[in-house]
């Protein structure tokens, strides 16, 4: 059996409680493999209704800016250059896979919360990424 060595790892980050275990695993694996580590956070688009005083676009831009700041802190902790930190707006699974393809990564790492029903097996986002990714996907269980 051939020993697989990843060269470029994409860590999809959701900033949820307990996600530090996912971040730590990604950094460890990148070091072990001698791989480049890229960070990605997705801001989901807001519904186009319910924002009487502030436009949805303004709120989304504020969310993206807050995410950039949070990602910069994590990037510093994980020793990931600013150019390798990405915040995107769009449907999570679509954007994770688009960025993975654009950057030609060979491994995506996502956390799995495992809520309930079928999603309890992996988690909705992790499952969606696994089903549509063109590269390997590693899910890391986030314990409650």
Protein backbone atom coordinates (compact mmCIF):
# COMPACT_ATOMS: atom_id res chain seq x y z
CA UNK A 1 0.00 0.00 0.00
CA UNK A 2 1.31 3.41 -0.99
CA UNK A 3 1.98 5.88 1.83
CA UNK A 4 -0.13 9.00 1.15
CA UNK A 5 1.50 12.33 1.85
CA UNK A 6 -0.66 15.42 1.70
CA UNK A 7 0.92 18.60 0.34
CA UNK A 8 -1.85 21.17 0.89
CA UNK A 9 -4.46 20.98 3.64
CA UNK A 10 -7.55 23.18 3.81
CA UNK A 11 -8.96 23.62 7.32
CA UNK A 12 -12.62 24.68 7.17
CA UNK A 13 -13.31 26.58 10.39
CA UNK A 14 -16.65 27.43 11.96
CA UNK A 15 -15.41 29.04 15.23
CA UNK A 16 -17.79 26.88 17.25
CA UNK A 17 -17.17 25.90 20.83
CA UNK A 18 -14.90 22.90 20.92
CA UNK A 19 -13.45 23.43 17.45
CA UNK A 20 -9.95 23.92 18.87
CA UNK A 21 -9.48 20.14 18.72
CA UNK A 22 -10.05 20.31 14.94
CA UNK A 23 -7.60 23.20 14.58
CA UNK A 24 -4.96 21.38 16.63
CA UNK A 25 -5.34 18.18 14.57
CA UNK A 26 -4.98 20.14 11.34
CA UNK A 27 -1.79 21.82 12.53
CA UNK A 28 -0.33 18.50 13.79
CA UNK A 29 -1.11 16.77 10.50
CA UNK A 30 0.34 19.63 8.44
CA UNK A 31 3.56 19.47 10.47
CA UNK A 32 3.78 15.66 10.20
CA UNK A 33 3.20 15.75 6.45
CA UNK A 34 5.25 18.86 5.76
CA UNK A 35 2.09 20.26 4.16
CA UNK A 36 0.94 23.81 3.60
CA UNK A 37 -2.05 24.71 5.82
CA UNK A 38 -4.75 27.07 4.56
CA UNK A 39 -7.61 28.36 6.72
CA UNK A 40 -11.14 28.95 5.46
CA UNK A 41 -14.24 30.34 7.13
CA UNK A 42 -17.57 30.66 5.32
CA UNK A 43 -20.17 33.32 6.12
CA UNK A 44 -23.59 32.04 5.09
CA UNK A 45 -25.67 34.58 3.13
CA UNK A 46 -28.50 36.11 5.13
CA UNK A 47 -32.10 35.74 3.99
CA UNK A 48 -33.22 38.74 1.93
CA UNK A 49 -35.90 39.77 4.40
CA UNK A 50 -36.20 41.05 7.96
CA UNK A 51 -33.58 43.80 7.82
CA UNK A 52 -35.71 46.90 7.87
CA UNK A 53 -33.06 49.30 9.14
CA UNK A 54 -29.83 47.75 7.92
CA UNK A 55 -29.41 46.06 4.56
CA UNK A 56 -28.46 42.39 4.48
CA UNK A 57 -25.34 43.24 2.49
CA UNK A 58 -24.10 45.57 5.24
CA UNK A 59 -24.70 42.91 7.90
CA UNK A 60 -22.90 40.29 5.78
CA UNK A 61 -19.92 42.62 5.32
CA UNK A 62 -19.78 43.18 9.09
CA UNK A 63 -19.92 39.41 9.67
CA UNK A 64 -17.12 38.90 7.15
CA UNK A 65 -14.95 41.55 8.78
CA UNK A 66 -15.51 40.02 12.24
CA UNK A 67 -14.62 36.60 10.80
CA UNK A 68 -11.42 38.01 9.25
CA UNK A 69 -10.35 39.33 12.66
CA UNK A 70 -11.12 36.04 14.36
CA UNK A 71 -9.34 34.12 11.60
CA UNK A 72 -6.28 36.38 11.92
CA UNK A 73 -6.00 35.47 15.62
CA UNK A 74 -6.27 31.77 14.81
CA UNK A 75 -3.83 32.15 11.93
CA UNK A 76 -1.29 33.63 14.29
CA UNK A 77 -1.79 30.78 16.76
CA UNK A 78 -1.44 28.14 14.01
CA UNK A 79 1.41 30.00 12.22
CA UNK A 80 -0.60 30.43 9.01
CA UNK A 81 0.27 33.46 6.85
CA UNK A 82 -2.43 36.06 6.20
CA UNK A 83 -2.35 35.21 2.46
CA UNK A 84 -3.44 31.67 3.42
CA UNK A 85 -6.46 32.82 5.45
CA UNK A 86 -9.72 33.06 3.52
CA UNK A 87 -13.20 34.29 4.42
CA UNK A 88 -15.86 33.66 1.78
CA UNK A 89 -19.57 34.41 1.49
CA UNK A 90 -21.90 31.72 0.21
CA UNK A 91 -23.37 28.28 0.90
CA UNK A 92 -20.86 26.44 3.11
CA UNK A 93 -20.42 23.16 1.21
CA UNK A 94 -20.28 24.93 -2.16
CA UNK A 95 -17.65 27.42 -1.00
CA UNK A 96 -15.49 24.85 0.80
CA UNK A 97 -15.34 22.72 -2.33
CA UNK A 98 -14.83 25.71 -4.65
CA UNK A 99 -11.91 27.02 -2.60
CA UNK A 100 -10.45 23.51 -2.31
CA UNK A 101 -10.52 23.14 -6.09
CA UNK A 102 -9.23 26.68 -6.74
CA UNK A 103 -6.28 26.15 -4.38
CA UNK A 104 -5.71 22.56 -5.53
CA UNK A 105 -5.71 21.18 -1.99
CA UNK A 106 -5.47 17.45 -1.52
CA UNK A 107 -7.11 17.24 1.93
CA UNK A 108 -10.02 19.13 3.51
CA UNK A 109 -10.37 18.98 7.30
CA UNK A 110 -13.77 19.75 8.86
CA UNK A 111 -15.20 19.37 12.32
CA UNK A 112 -18.22 17.21 12.96
CA UNK A 113 -20.73 18.09 15.64
CA UNK A 114 -23.06 15.17 14.95
CA UNK A 115 -26.43 16.57 15.96
CA UNK A 116 -29.32 14.11 15.42
CA UNK A 117 -30.87 11.77 12.86
CA UNK A 118 -28.73 11.00 9.80
CA UNK A 119 -26.70 14.12 10.50
CA UNK A 120 -25.66 12.55 13.81
CA UNK A 121 -23.36 10.24 11.88
CA UNK A 122 -21.18 13.12 10.72
CA UNK A 123 -22.88 16.49 10.83
CA UNK A 124 -24.66 18.25 7.99
CA UNK A 125 -21.71 20.30 6.72
CA UNK A 126 -19.16 17.49 7.03
CA UNK A 127 -21.51 15.08 5.25
CA UNK A 128 -22.22 17.56 2.45
CA UNK A 129 -18.50 18.21 1.90
CA UNK A 130 -17.67 14.48 1.89
CA UNK A 131 -20.36 13.80 -0.71
CA UNK A 132 -19.15 16.48 -3.12
CA UNK A 133 -15.41 16.97 -2.55
CA UNK A 134 -12.95 16.02 -5.28
CA UNK A 135 -10.18 15.36 -2.74
CA UNK A 136 -9.88 13.50 0.56
CA UNK A 137 -11.85 14.80 3.54
CA UNK A 138 -10.96 14.23 7.17
CA UNK A 139 -13.67 14.79 9.75
CA UNK A 140 -12.70 15.40 13.35
CA UNK A 141 -15.32 14.70 16.01
CA UNK A 142 -16.08 17.69 18.23
CA UNK A 143 -17.16 16.30 21.58
CA UNK A 144 -19.87 18.01 23.58
